[in-house]
Amino acid sequence: MERKSAAPKERKCPIETVVLILGGKWKPLILWHLLDSSKRFSELSKLIPEATQKMLAQHLRELENDRLVTRTVYPTVPPKVEYELSEYGRTIIPVLQTMCDWGENHNRSLLEAASANKEIS
C-alpha cells in the first residue's frame, strides 16, 4: 500500500511533517548516500543490504513523490535509472548532518558508559 502525503493543513506541527517525510526506516540512509552523487538502484541496494528491494523501491518512490529525490531514466538497453537529491532535496542536508552528528555523539556516549560500567565491575 502506498503512503499518501498528508496535506499541509492536516499536519499539526513541523516535527510531524519531518517524521512523515523521513519516517521510513531506510529513508535517511538513502538520502545520506545520495549526498555526494547520483546512484543507481543496485548501488543503493549494495550500500543498504538490510533493505529489501521492495522497501528500497517503495522508499525511493515516496522520496521522489515528496520532491526530495529525482529519478532519471536513460534510454539504453538495459535501461539505466539513477537517483539523486533534487535541488529541493538538498535543503535537507543540514538535517541529515545534524542527525549524523547526534548519532556519533550518542554512540560515543554509549561506549563511554559501557567502559565506565566495566571499570566499576
PDB file of N, CA and C in Angstrom:
ATOM      1  N   MET A   1       0.842  -1.165   0.000  1.00  0.00           N
ATOM      2  CA  MET A   1       0.000   0.000   0.000  1.00  0.00           C
ATOM      3  C   MET A   1       0.895   1.237   0.000  1.00  0.00           C
ATOM      4  N   GLU A   2       0.603   2.176  -0.870  1.00  0.00           N
ATOM      5  CA  GLU A   2       1.410   3.365  -0.996  1.00  0.00           C
ATOM      6  C   GLU A   2       0.970   4.427   0.000  1.00  0.00           C
ATOM      7  N   ARG A   3       1.932   5.097   0.587  1.00  0.00           N
ATOM      8  CA  ARG A   3       1.676   6.163   1.547  1.00  0.00           C
ATOM      9  C   ARG A   3       1.166   7.380   0.809  1.00  0.00           C
ATOM     10  N   LYS A   4       0.180   7.998   1.358  1.00  0.00           N
ATOM     11  CA  LYS A   4      -0.334   9.234   0.787  1.00  0.00           C
ATOM     12  C   LYS A   4       0.190  10.381   1.635  1.00  0.00           C
ATOM     13  N   SER A   5       0.715  11.409   0.986  1.00  0.00           N
ATOM     14  CA  SER A   5       1.181  12.573   1.721  1.00  0.00           C
ATOM     15  C   SER A   5      -0.011  13.330   2.271  1.00  0.00           C
ATOM     16  N   ALA A   6       0.091  13.685   3.539  1.00  0.00           N
ATOM     17  CA  ALA A   6      -0.980  14.477   4.146  1.00  0.00           C
ATOM     18  C   ALA A   6      -0.867  15.911   3.644  1.00  0.00           C
ATOM     19  N   ALA A   7      -1.977  16.546   3.404  1.00  0.00           N
ATOM     20  CA  ALA A   7      -1.971  17.940   3.003  1.00  0.00           C
ATOM     21  C   ALA A   7      -1.389  18.769   4.136  1.00  0.00           C
ATOM     22  N   PRO A   8      -0.639  19.840   3.825  1.00  0.00           N
ATOM     23  CA  PRO A   8      -0.016  20.637   4.893  1.00  0.00           C
ATOM     24  C   PRO A   8      -0.993  21.077   5.969  1.00  0.00           C
ATOM     25  N   LYS A   9      -2.232  21.384   5.627  1.00  0.00           N
ATOM     26  CA  LYS A   9      -3.189  21.849   6.634  1.00  0.00           C
ATOM     27  C   LYS A   9      -3.537  20.751   7.638  1.00  0.00           C
ATOM     28  N   GLU A  10      -3.297  19.470   7.273  1.00  0.00           N
ATOM     29  CA  GLU A  10      -3.608  18.357   8.167  1.00  0.00           C
ATOM     30  C   GLU A  10      -2.511  18.117   9.197  1.00  0.00           C
ATOM     31  N   ARG A  11      -1.336  18.668   8.973  1.00  0.00           N
ATOM     32  CA  ARG A  11      -0.216  18.454   9.879  1.00  0.00           C
ATOM     33  C   ARG A  11      -0.282  19.444  11.023  1.00  0.00           C
ATOM     34  N   LYS A  12      -0.137  18.934  12.222  1.00  0.00           N
ATOM     35  CA  LYS A  12      -0.290  19.767  13.403  1.00  0.00           C
ATOM     36  C   LYS A  12       0.984  20.529  13.780  1.00  0.00           C
ATOM     37  N   CYS A  13       2.137  19.963  13.443  1.00  0.00           N
ATOM     38  CA  CYS A  13       3.389  20.653  13.783  1.00  0.00           C
ATOM     39  C   CYS A  13       4.479  20.268  12.780  1.00  0.00           C
ATOM     40  N   PRO A  14       5.545  21.061  12.713  1.00  0.00           N
ATOM     41  CA  PRO A  14       6.632  20.786  11.769  1.00  0.00           C
ATOM     42  C   PRO A  14       7.326  19.443  12.000  1.00  0.00           C
ATOM     43  N   ILE A  15       7.430  19.014  13.264  1.00  0.00           N
ATOM     44  CA  ILE A  15       8.060  17.721  13.547  1.00  0.00           C
ATOM     45  C   ILE A  15       7.245  16.600  12.916  1.00  0.00           C
ATOM     46  N   GLU A  16       5.934  16.730  12.958  1.00  0.00           N
ATOM     47  CA  GLU A  16       5.067  15.748  12.315  1.00  0.00           C
ATOM     48  C   GLU A  16       5.378  15.657  10.821  1.00  0.00           C
ATOM     49  N   THR A  17       5.632  16.795  10.201  1.00  0.00           N
ATOM     50  CA  THR A  17       5.986  16.817   8.784  1.00  0.00           C
ATOM     51  C   THR A  17       7.286  16.066   8.535  1.00  0.00           C
ATOM     52  N   VAL A  18       8.291  16.348   9.361  1.00  0.00           N
ATOM     53  CA  VAL A  18       9.591  15.686   9.198  1.00  0.00           C
ATOM     54  C   VAL A  18       9.454  14.182   9.384  1.00  0.00           C
ATOM     55  N   VAL A  19       8.709  13.772  10.404  1.00  0.00           N
ATOM     56  CA  VAL A  19       8.522  12.342  10.663  1.00  0.00           C
ATOM     57  C   VAL A  19       7.785  11.694   9.493  1.00  0.00           C
ATOM     58  N   LEU A  20       6.802  12.378   8.938  1.00  0.00           N
ATOM     59  CA  LEU A  20       6.077  11.839   7.796  1.00  0.00           C
ATOM     60  C   LEU A  20       7.010  11.640   6.600  1.00  0.00           C
ATOM     61  N   ILE A  21       7.860  12.612   6.333  1.00  0.00           N
ATOM     62  CA  ILE A  21       8.742  12.559   5.171  1.00  0.00           C
ATOM     63  C   ILE A  21       9.905  11.589   5.387  1.00  0.00           C
ATOM     64  N   LEU A  22      10.513  11.604   6.569  1.00  0.00           N
ATOM     65  CA  LEU A  22      11.695  10.771   6.834  1.00  0.00           C
ATOM     66  C   LEU A  22      11.376   9.525   7.638  1.00  0.00           C
ATOM     67  N   GLY A  23      10.090   9.240   7.853  1.00  0.00           N
ATOM     68  CA  GLY A  23       9.670   8.184   8.752  1.00  0.00           C
ATOM     69  C   GLY A  23       9.983   6.771   8.326  1.00  0.00           C
ATOM     70  N   GLY A  24      10.337   6.533   7.094  1.00  0.00           N
ATOM     71  CA  GLY A  24      10.682   5.177   6.686  1.00  0.00           C
ATOM     72  C   GLY A  24      12.027   4.769   7.258  1.00  0.00           C
ATOM     73  N   LYS A  25      12.167   3.502   7.568  1.00  0.00           N
ATOM     74  CA  LYS A  25      13.399   3.008   8.206  1.00  0.00           C
ATOM     75  C   LYS A  25      14.649   3.343   7.391  1.00  0.00           C
ATOM     76  N   TRP A  26      14.543   3.306   6.072  1.00  0.00           N
ATOM     77  CA  TRP A  26      15.731   3.459   5.230  1.00  0.00           C
ATOM     78  C   TRP A  26      15.853   4.835   4.576  1.00  0.00           C
ATOM     79  N   LYS A  27      14.852   5.685   4.707  1.00  0.00           N
ATOM     80  CA  LYS A  27      14.878   6.973   4.006  1.00  0.00           C
ATOM     81  C   LYS A  27      16.073   7.848   4.369  1.00  0.00           C
ATOM     82  N   PRO A  28      16.380   8.047   5.656  1.00  0.00           N
ATOM     83  CA  PRO A  28      17.552   8.876   5.959  1.00  0.00           C
ATOM     84  C   PRO A  28      18.842   8.297   5.366  1.00  0.00           C
ATOM     85  N   LEU A  29      18.988   6.983   5.394  1.00  0.00           N
ATOM     86  CA  LEU A  29      20.190   6.371   4.810  1.00  0.00           C
ATOM     87  C   LEU A  29      20.238   6.550   3.295  1.00  0.00           C
ATOM     88  N   ILE A  30      19.104   6.411   2.636  1.00  0.00           N
ATOM     89  CA  ILE A  30      19.049   6.634   1.187  1.00  0.00           C
ATOM     90  C   ILE A  30      19.500   8.053   0.880  1.00  0.00           C
ATOM     91  N   LEU A  31      18.924   9.017   1.585  1.00  0.00           N
ATOM     92  CA  LEU A  31      19.279  10.421   1.354  1.00  0.00           C
ATOM     93  C   LEU A  31      20.758  10.659   1.654  1.00  0.00           C
ATOM     94  N   TRP A  32      21.260  10.052   2.734  1.00  0.00           N
ATOM     95  CA  TRP A  32      22.671  10.219   3.101  1.00  0.00           C
ATOM     96  C   TRP A  32      23.587   9.714   1.982  1.00  0.00           C
ATOM     97  N   HIS A  33      23.239   8.580   1.390  1.00  0.00           N
ATOM     98  CA  HIS A  33      24.073   8.014   0.323  1.00  0.00           C
ATOM     99  C   HIS A  33      23.967   8.797  -0.978  1.00  0.00           C
ATOM    100  N   LEU A  34      22.948   9.623  -1.100  1.00  0.00           N
ATOM    101  CA  LEU A  34      22.801  10.448  -2.299  1.00  0.00           C
ATOM    102  C   LEU A  34      23.391  11.844  -2.136  1.00  0.00           C
ATOM    103  N   LEU A  35      23.997  12.131  -0.985  1.00  0.00           N
ATOM    104  CA  LEU A  35      24.530  13.476  -0.729  1.00  0.00           C
ATOM    105  C   LEU A  35      25.543  13.924  -1.778  1.00  0.00           C
ATOM    106  N   ASP A  36      26.475  13.055  -2.093  1.00  0.00           N
ATOM    107  CA  ASP A  36      27.598  13.468  -2.938  1.00  0.00           C
ATOM    108  C   ASP A  36      27.448  13.143  -4.411  1.00  0.00           C
ATOM    109  N   SER A  37      26.617  12.154  -4.727  1.00  0.00           N
ATOM    110  CA  SER A  37      26.499  11.773  -6.138  1.00  0.00           C
ATOM    111  C   SER A  37      25.239  10.965  -6.376  1.00  0.00           C
ATOM    112  N   SER A  38      24.864  10.905  -7.646  1.00  0.00           N
ATOM    113  CA  SER A  38      23.711  10.081  -8.011  1.00  0.00           C
ATOM    114  C   SER A  38      24.099   8.611  -7.891  1.00  0.00           C
ATOM    115  N   LYS A  39      23.107   7.778  -7.679  1.00  0.00           N
ATOM    116  CA  LYS A  39      23.344   6.340  -7.538  1.00  0.00           C
ATOM    117  C   LYS A  39      22.284   5.576  -8.311  1.00  0.00           C
ATOM    118  N   ARG A  40      22.688   4.428  -8.805  1.00  0.00           N
ATOM    119  CA  ARG A  40      21.738   3.501  -9.410  1.00  0.00           C
ATOM    120  C   ARG A  40      21.103   2.674  -8.300  1.00  0.00           C
ATOM    121  N   PHE A  41      19.963   2.073  -8.621  1.00  0.00           N
ATOM    122  CA  PHE A  41      19.254   1.260  -7.632  1.00  0.00           C
ATOM    123  C   PHE A  41      20.174   0.183  -7.078  1.00  0.00           C
ATOM    124  N   SER A  42      20.930  -0.479  -7.953  1.00  0.00           N
ATOM    125  CA  SER A  42      21.808  -1.567  -7.500  1.00  0.00           C
ATOM    126  C   SER A  42      22.899  -1.053  -6.555  1.00  0.00           C
ATOM    127  N   GLU A  43      23.388   0.157  -6.776  1.00  0.00           N
ATOM    128  CA  GLU A  43      24.387   0.729  -5.876  1.00  0.00           C
ATOM    129  C   GLU A  43      23.781   0.981  -4.496  1.00  0.00           C
ATOM    130  N   LEU A  44      22.581   1.552  -4.480  1.00  0.00           N
ATOM    131  CA  LEU A  44      21.913   1.790  -3.201  1.00  0.00           C
ATOM    132  C   LEU A  44      21.629   0.475  -2.483  1.00  0.00           C
ATOM    133  N   SER A  45      21.256  -0.525  -3.255  1.00  0.00           N
ATOM    134  CA  SER A  45      20.966  -1.834  -2.679  1.00  0.00           C
ATOM    135  C   SER A  45      22.214  -2.422  -2.017  1.00  0.00           C
ATOM    136  N   LYS A  46      23.373  -2.225  -2.617  1.00  0.00           N
ATOM    137  CA  LYS A  46      24.627  -2.713  -2.034  1.00  0.00           C
ATOM    138  C   LYS A  46      25.036  -1.893  -0.812  1.00  0.00           C
ATOM    139  N   LEU A  47      24.733  -0.593  -0.847  1.00  0.00           N
ATOM    140  CA  LEU A  47      25.082   0.274   0.276  1.00  0.00           C
ATOM    141  C   LEU A  47      24.179   0.050   1.487  1.00  0.00           C
ATOM    142  N   ILE A  48      22.948  -0.431   1.234  1.00  0.00           N
ATOM    143  CA  ILE A  48      21.983  -0.684   2.312  1.00  0.00           C
ATOM    144  C   ILE A  48      21.485  -2.124   2.164  1.00  0.00           C
ATOM    145  N   PRO A  49      22.348  -3.115   2.413  1.00  0.00           N
ATOM    146  CA  PRO A  49      21.972  -4.509   2.156  1.00  0.00           C
ATOM    147  C   PRO A  49      20.826  -5.025   3.016  1.00  0.00           C
ATOM    148  N   GLU A  50      20.581  -4.391   4.159  1.00  0.00           N
ATOM    149  CA  GLU A  50      19.493  -4.846   5.029  1.00  0.00           C
ATOM    150  C   GLU A  50      18.119  -4.503   4.459  1.00  0.00           C
ATOM    151  N   ALA A  51      18.059  -3.523   3.571  1.00  0.00           N
ATOM    152  CA  ALA A  51      16.778  -3.112   2.970  1.00  0.00           C
ATOM    153  C   ALA A  51      16.420  -4.067   1.840  1.00  0.00           C
ATOM    154  N   THR A  52      15.195  -4.565   1.853  1.00  0.00           N
ATOM    155  CA  THR A  52      14.756  -5.415   0.738  1.00  0.00           C
ATOM    156  C   THR A  52      14.586  -4.542  -0.497  1.00  0.00           C
ATOM    157  N   GLN A  53      14.616  -5.170  -1.659  1.00  0.00           N
ATOM    158  CA  GLN A  53      14.421  -4.413  -2.896  1.00  0.00           C
ATOM    159  C   GLN A  53      13.053  -3.737  -2.912  1.00  0.00           C
ATOM    160  N   LYS A  54      12.058  -4.426  -2.372  1.00  0.00           N
ATOM    161  CA  LYS A  54      10.706  -3.860  -2.323  1.00  0.00           C
ATOM    162  C   LYS A  54      10.683  -2.592  -1.475  1.00  0.00           C
ATOM    163  N   MET A  55      11.290  -2.644  -0.282  1.00  0.00           N
ATOM    164  CA  MET A  55      11.296  -1.477   0.598  1.00  0.00           C
ATOM    165  C   MET A  55      12.116  -0.340   0.011  1.00  0.00           C
ATOM    166  N   LEU A  56      13.253  -0.676  -0.588  1.00  0.00           N
ATOM    167  CA  LEU A  56      14.096   0.340  -1.192  1.00  0.00           C
ATOM    168  C   LEU A  56      13.333   1.039  -2.319  1.00  0.00           C
ATOM    169  N   ALA A  57      12.686   0.276  -3.161  1.00  0.00           N
ATOM    170  CA  ALA A  57      11.902   0.856  -4.265  1.00  0.00           C
ATOM    171  C   ALA A  57      10.764   1.715  -3.732  1.00  0.00           C
ATOM    172  N   GLN A  58      10.094   1.242  -2.697  1.00  0.00           N
ATOM    173  CA  GLN A  58       8.978   1.999  -2.119  1.00  0.00           C
ATOM    174  C   GLN A  58       9.460   3.319  -1.527  1.00  0.00           C
ATOM    175  N   HIS A  59      10.553   3.270  -0.772  1.00  0.00           N
ATOM    176  CA  HIS A  59      11.072   4.498  -0.162  1.00  0.00           C
ATOM    177  C   HIS A  59      11.564   5.476  -1.221  1.00  0.00           C
ATOM    178  N   LEU A  60      12.218   4.969  -2.262  1.00  0.00           N
ATOM    179  CA  LEU A  60      12.666   5.852  -3.344  1.00  0.00           C
ATOM    180  C   LEU A  60      11.472   6.512  -4.023  1.00  0.00           C
ATOM    181  N   ARG A  61      10.420   5.750  -4.235  1.00  0.00           N
ATOM    182  CA  ARG A  61       9.203   6.294  -4.861  1.00  0.00           C
ATOM    183  C   ARG A  61       8.606   7.397  -3.982  1.00  0.00           C
ATOM    184  N   GLU A  62       8.533   7.147  -2.672  1.00  0.00           N
ATOM    185  CA  GLU A  62       7.980   8.141  -1.755  1.00  0.00           C
ATOM    186  C   GLU A  62       8.856   9.394  -1.705  1.00  0.00           C
ATOM    187  N   LEU A  63      10.172   9.216  -1.677  1.00  0.00           N
ATOM    188  CA  LEU A  63      11.070  10.367  -1.673  1.00  0.00           C
ATOM    189  C   LEU A  63      10.953  11.159  -2.971  1.00  0.00           C
ATOM    190  N   GLU A  64      10.722  10.466  -4.062  1.00  0.00           N
ATOM    191  CA  GLU A  64      10.504  11.144  -5.345  1.00  0.00           C
ATOM    192  C   GLU A  64       9.175  11.916  -5.311  1.00  0.00           C
ATOM    193  N   ASN A  65       8.135  11.291  -4.784  1.00  0.00           N
ATOM    194  CA  ASN A  65       6.831  11.964  -4.670  1.00  0.00           C
ATOM    195  C   ASN A  65       6.899  13.185  -3.757  1.00  0.00           C
ATOM    196  N   ASP A  66       7.779  13.127  -2.752  1.00  0.00           N
ATOM    197  CA  ASP A  66       7.948  14.244  -1.828  1.00  0.00           C
ATOM    198  C   ASP A  66       8.941  15.279  -2.351  1.00  0.00           C
ATOM    199  N   ARG A  67       9.425  15.089  -3.574  1.00  0.00           N
ATOM    200  CA  ARG A  67      10.313  16.023  -4.281  1.00  0.00           C
ATOM    201  C   ARG A  67      11.715  16.117  -3.696  1.00  0.00           C
ATOM    202  N   LEU A  68      12.115  15.135  -2.886  1.00  0.00           N
ATOM    203  CA  LEU A  68      13.465  15.141  -2.327  1.00  0.00           C
ATOM    204  C   LEU A  68      14.470  14.453  -3.237  1.00  0.00           C
ATOM    205  N   VAL A  69      13.988  13.544  -4.066  1.00  0.00           N
ATOM    206  CA  VAL A  69      14.843  12.750  -4.957  1.00  0.00           C
ATOM    207  C   VAL A  69      14.303  12.856  -6.376  1.00  0.00           C
ATOM    208  N   THR A  70      15.224  12.926  -7.318  1.00  0.00           N
ATOM    209  CA  THR A  70      14.822  12.860  -8.723  1.00  0.00           C
ATOM    210  C   THR A  70      15.283  11.531  -9.301  1.00  0.00           C
ATOM    211  N   ARG A  71      14.493  11.016 -10.189  1.00  0.00           N
ATOM    212  CA  ARG A  71      14.757   9.731 -10.849  1.00  0.00           C
ATOM    213  C   ARG A  71      14.951  10.028 -12.327  1.00  0.00           C
ATOM    214  N   THR A  72      16.103   9.644 -12.859  1.00  0.00           N
ATOM    215  CA  THR A  72      16.407   9.870 -14.265  1.00  0.00           C
ATOM    216  C   THR A  72      16.530   8.520 -14.965  1.00  0.00           C
ATOM    217  N   VAL A  73      15.737   8.349 -16.013  1.00  0.00           N
ATOM    218  CA  VAL A  73      15.777   7.115 -16.798  1.00  0.00           C
ATOM    219  C   VAL A  73      16.501   7.420 -18.098  1.00  0.00           C
ATOM    220  N   TYR A  74      17.558   6.651 -18.369  1.00  0.00           N
ATOM    221  CA  TYR A  74      18.319   6.818 -19.595  1.00  0.00           C
ATOM    222  C   TYR A  74      17.839   5.781 -20.614  1.00  0.00           C
ATOM    223  N   PRO A  75      17.602   6.196 -21.856  1.00  0.00           N
ATOM    224  CA  PRO A  75      17.078   5.272 -22.874  1.00  0.00           C
ATOM    225  C   PRO A  75      18.173   4.365 -23.439  1.00  0.00           C
ATOM    226  N   THR A  76      18.594   3.422 -22.620  1.00  0.00           N
ATOM    227  CA  THR A  76      19.619   2.474 -23.046  1.00  0.00           C
ATOM    228  C   THR A  76      19.094   1.065 -22.837  1.00  0.00           C
ATOM    229  N   VAL A  77      19.811   0.104 -23.414  1.00  0.00           N
ATOM    230  CA  VAL A  77      19.478  -1.299 -23.198  1.00  0.00           C
ATOM    231  C   VAL A  77      20.704  -1.936 -22.560  1.00  0.00           C
ATOM    232  N   PRO A  78      20.580  -2.471 -21.352  1.00  0.00           N
ATOM    233  CA  PRO A  78      19.406  -2.458 -20.482  1.00  0.00           C
ATOM    234  C   PRO A  78      19.147  -1.043 -19.962  1.00  0.00           C
ATOM    235  N   PRO A  79      17.932  -0.781 -19.493  1.00  0.00           N
ATOM    236  CA  PRO A  79      17.611   0.557 -19.010  1.00  0.00           C
ATOM    237  C   PRO A  79      18.515   0.962 -17.844  1.00  0.00           C
ATOM    238  N   LYS A  80      18.877   2.215 -17.825  1.00  0.00           N
ATOM    239  CA  LYS A  80      19.707   2.752 -16.748  1.00  0.00           C
ATOM    240  C   LYS A  80      18.873   3.808 -16.019  1.00  0.00           C
ATOM    241  N   VAL A  81      18.757   3.651 -14.705  1.00  0.00           N
ATOM    242  CA  VAL A  81      17.994   4.585 -13.881  1.00  0.00           C
ATOM    243  C   VAL A  81      18.912   5.065 -12.766  1.00  0.00           C
ATOM    244  N   GLU A  82      18.961   6.376 -12.570  1.00  0.00           N
ATOM    245  CA  GLU A  82      19.762   6.951 -11.500  1.00  0.00           C
ATOM    246  C   GLU A  82      18.883   7.806 -10.602  1.00  0.00           C
ATOM    247  N   TYR A  83      19.249   7.815  -9.331  1.00  0.00           N
ATOM    248  CA  TYR A  83      18.556   8.622  -8.336  1.00  0.00           C
ATOM    249  C   TYR A  83      19.552   9.633  -7.785  1.00  0.00           C
ATOM    250  N   GLU A  84      19.062  10.845  -7.546  1.00  0.00           N
ATOM    251  CA  GLU A  84      19.899  11.866  -6.927  1.00  0.00           C
ATOM    252  C   GLU A  84      19.030  12.817  -6.119  1.00  0.00           C
ATOM    253  N   LEU A  85      19.681  13.538  -5.209  1.00  0.00           N
ATOM    254  CA  LEU A  85      18.940  14.543  -4.458  1.00  0.00           C
ATOM    255  C   LEU A  85      18.500  15.629  -5.432  1.00  0.00           C
ATOM    256  N   SER A  86      17.258  16.034  -5.307  1.00  0.00           N
ATOM    257  CA  SER A  86      16.775  17.150  -6.112  1.00  0.00           C
ATOM    258  C   SER A  86      17.341  18.439  -5.509  1.00  0.00           C
ATOM    259  N   GLU A  87      17.147  19.537  -6.210  1.00  0.00           N
ATOM    260  CA  GLU A  87      17.574  20.818  -5.661  1.00  0.00           C
ATOM    261  C   GLU A  87      16.854  21.058  -4.328  1.00  0.00           C
ATOM    262  N   TYR A  88      15.564  20.782  -4.303  1.00  0.00           N
ATOM    263  CA  TYR A  88      14.796  20.917  -3.067  1.00  0.00           C
ATOM    264  C   TYR A  88      15.288  19.918  -2.019  1.00  0.00           C
ATOM    265  N   GLY A  89      15.622  18.714  -2.448  1.00  0.00           N
ATOM    266  CA  GLY A  89      16.112  17.690  -1.534  1.00  0.00           C
ATOM    267  C   GLY A  89      17.411  18.078  -0.856  1.00  0.00           C
ATOM    268  N   ARG A  90      18.205  18.918  -1.516  1.00  0.00           N
ATOM    269  CA  ARG A  90      19.468  19.354  -0.920  1.00  0.00           C
ATOM    270  C   ARG A  90      19.237  20.221   0.317  1.00  0.00           C
ATOM    271  N   THR A  91      18.012  20.748   0.464  1.00  0.00           N
ATOM    272  CA  THR A  91      17.724  21.562   1.653  1.00  0.00           C
ATOM    273  C   THR A  91      17.671  20.718   2.927  1.00  0.00           C
ATOM    274  N   ILE A  92      17.619  19.406   2.776  1.00  0.00           N
ATOM    275  CA  ILE A  92      17.558  18.535   3.960  1.00  0.00           C
ATOM    276  C   ILE A  92      18.956  18.130   4.447  1.00  0.00           C
ATOM    277  N   ILE A  93      19.990  18.523   3.718  1.00  0.00           N
ATOM    278  CA  ILE A  93      21.360  18.159   4.101  1.00  0.00           C
ATOM    279  C   ILE A  93      21.689  18.598   5.527  1.00  0.00           C
ATOM    280  N   PRO A  94      21.366  19.824   5.952  1.00  0.00           N
ATOM    281  CA  PRO A  94      21.684  20.188   7.349  1.00  0.00           C
ATOM    282  C   PRO A  94      20.978  19.291   8.372  1.00  0.00           C
ATOM    283  N   VAL A  95      19.780  18.853   8.071  1.00  0.00           N
ATOM    284  CA  VAL A  95      19.052  17.950   8.974  1.00  0.00           C
ATOM    285  C   VAL A  95      19.790  16.618   9.060  1.00  0.00           C
ATOM    286  N   LEU A  96      20.202  16.084   7.912  1.00  0.00           N
ATOM    287  CA  LEU A  96      20.928  14.813   7.889  1.00  0.00           C
ATOM    288  C   LEU A  96      22.269  14.939   8.616  1.00  0.00           C
ATOM    289  N   GLN A  97      22.957  16.070   8.419  1.00  0.00           N
ATOM    290  CA  GLN A  97      24.242  16.275   9.089  1.00  0.00           C
ATOM    291  C   GLN A  97      24.056  16.336  10.600  1.00  0.00           C
ATOM    292  N   THR A  98      22.996  17.010  11.043  1.00  0.00           N
ATOM    293  CA  THR A  98      22.700  17.078  12.474  1.00  0.00           C
ATOM    294  C   THR A  98      22.379  15.692  13.028  1.00  0.00           C
ATOM    295  N   MET A  99      21.627  14.899  12.264  1.00  0.00           N
ATOM    296  CA  MET A  99      21.326  13.532  12.688  1.00  0.00           C
ATOM    297  C   MET A  99      22.617  12.720  12.807  1.00  0.00           C
ATOM    298  N   CYS A 100      23.519  12.891  11.843  1.00  0.00           N
ATOM    299  CA  CYS A 100      24.796  12.172  11.864  1.00  0.00           C
ATOM    300  C   CYS A 100      25.620  12.581  13.088  1.00  0.00           C
ATOM    301  N   ASP A 101      25.703  13.878  13.336  1.00  0.00           N
ATOM    302  CA  ASP A 101      26.460  14.365  14.496  1.00  0.00           C
ATOM    303  C   ASP A 101      25.874  13.822  15.796  1.00  0.00           C
ATOM    304  N   TRP A 102      24.540  13.862  15.913  1.00  0.00           N
ATOM    305  CA  TRP A 102      23.901  13.356  17.121  1.00  0.00           C
ATOM    306  C   TRP A 102      24.181  11.860  17.284  1.00  0.00           C
ATOM    307  N   GLY A 103      24.092  11.110  16.188  1.00  0.00           N
ATOM    308  CA  GLY A 103      24.354   9.674  16.237  1.00  0.00           C
ATOM    309  C   GLY A 103      25.781   9.369  16.684  1.00  0.00           C
ATOM    310  N   GLU A 104      26.740  10.135  16.169  1.00  0.00           N
ATOM    311  CA  GLU A 104      28.134   9.941  16.585  1.00  0.00           C
ATOM    312  C   GLU A 104      28.296  10.230  18.079  1.00  0.00           C
ATOM    313  N   ASN A 105      27.697  11.327  18.545  1.00  0.00           N
ATOM    314  CA  ASN A 105      27.778  11.666  19.980  1.00  0.00           C
ATOM    315  C   ASN A 105      27.095  10.615  20.840  1.00  0.00           C
ATOM    316  N   HIS A 106      25.962  10.128  20.392  1.00  0.00           N
ATOM    317  CA  HIS A 106      25.236   9.103  21.152  1.00  0.00           C
ATOM    318  C   HIS A 106      26.045   7.810  21.219  1.00  0.00           C
ATOM    319  N   ASN A 107      26.605   7.392  20.093  1.00  0.00           N
ATOM    320  CA  ASN A 107      27.423   6.168  20.089  1.00  0.00           C
ATOM    321  C   ASN A 107      28.626   6.313  21.015  1.00  0.00           C
ATOM    322  N   ARG A 108      29.256   7.489  20.976  1.00  0.00           N
ATOM    323  CA  ARG A 108      30.399   7.747  21.851  1.00  0.00           C
ATOM    324  C   ARG A 108      29.967   7.682  23.319  1.00  0.00           C
ATOM    325  N   SER A 109      28.808   8.263  23.614  1.00  0.00           N
ATOM    326  CA  SER A 109      28.282   8.241  24.980  1.00  0.00           C
ATOM    327  C   SER A 109      28.012   6.820  25.449  1.00  0.00           C
ATOM    328  N   LEU A 110      27.459   5.993  24.573  1.00  0.00           N
ATOM    329  CA  LEU A 110      27.199   4.597  24.924  1.00  0.00           C
ATOM    330  C   LEU A 110      28.489   3.846  25.197  1.00  0.00           C
ATOM    331  N   LEU A 111      29.511   4.077  24.368  1.00  0.00           N
ATOM    332  CA  LEU A 111      30.802   3.419  24.571  1.00  0.00           C
ATOM    333  C   LEU A 111      31.437   3.850  25.889  1.00  0.00           C
ATOM    334  N   GLU A 112      31.346   5.148  26.189  1.00  0.00           N
ATOM    335  CA  GLU A 112      31.911   5.641  27.440  1.00  0.00           C
ATOM    336  C   GLU A 112      31.175   5.050  28.644  1.00  0.00           C
ATOM    337  N   ALA A 113      29.857   4.961  28.543  1.00  0.00           N
ATOM    338  CA  ALA A 113      29.068   4.383  29.641  1.00  0.00           C
ATOM    339  C   ALA A 113      29.407   2.901  29.824  1.00  0.00           C
ATOM    340  N   ALA A 114      29.553   2.179  28.717  1.00  0.00           N
ATOM    341  CA  ALA A 114      29.903   0.757  28.799  1.00  0.00           C
ATOM    342  C   ALA A 114      31.292   0.584  29.397  1.00  0.00           C
ATOM    343  N   SER A 115      32.210   1.450  29.020  1.00  0.00           N
ATOM    344  CA  SER A 115      33.566   1.393  29.545  1.00  0.00           C
ATOM    345  C   SER A 115      33.578   1.696  31.047  1.00  0.00           C
ATOM    346  N   ALA A 116      32.801   2.690  31.463  1.00  0.00           N
ATOM    347  CA  ALA A 116      32.727   3.041  32.883  1.00  0.00           C
ATOM    348  C   ALA A 116      32.109   1.895  33.686  1.00  0.00           C
ATOM    349  N   ASN A 117      31.117   1.219  33.130  1.00  0.00           N
ATOM    350  CA  ASN A 117      30.496   0.078  33.816  1.00  0.00           C
ATOM    351  C   ASN A 117      31.486  -1.074  33.975  1.00  0.00           C
ATOM    352  N   LYS A 118      32.346  -1.284  32.993  1.00  0.00           N
ATOM    353  CA  LYS A 118      33.343  -2.360  33.099  1.00  0.00           C
ATOM    354  C   LYS A 118      34.371  -2.037  34.182  1.00  0.00           C
ATOM    355  N   GLU A 119      34.725  -0.760  34.305  1.00  0.00           N
ATOM    356  CA  GLU A 119      35.713  -0.360  35.303  1.00  0.00           C
ATOM    357  C   GLU A 119      35.152  -0.519  36.712  1.00  0.00           C
ATOM    358  N   ILE A 120      33.849  -0.317  36.872  1.00  0.00           N
ATOM    359  CA  ILE A 120      33.215  -0.455  38.179  1.00  0.00           C
ATOM    360  C   ILE A 120      33.137  -1.917  38.592  1.00  0.00           C
ATOM    361  N   SER A 121      32.909  -2.800  37.634  1.00  0.00           N
ATOM    362  CA  SER A 121      32.725  -4.236  37.932  1.00  0.00           C
ATOM    363  C   SER A 121      33.977  -4.905  38.402  1.00  0.00           C
TER     364      SER A 121
END
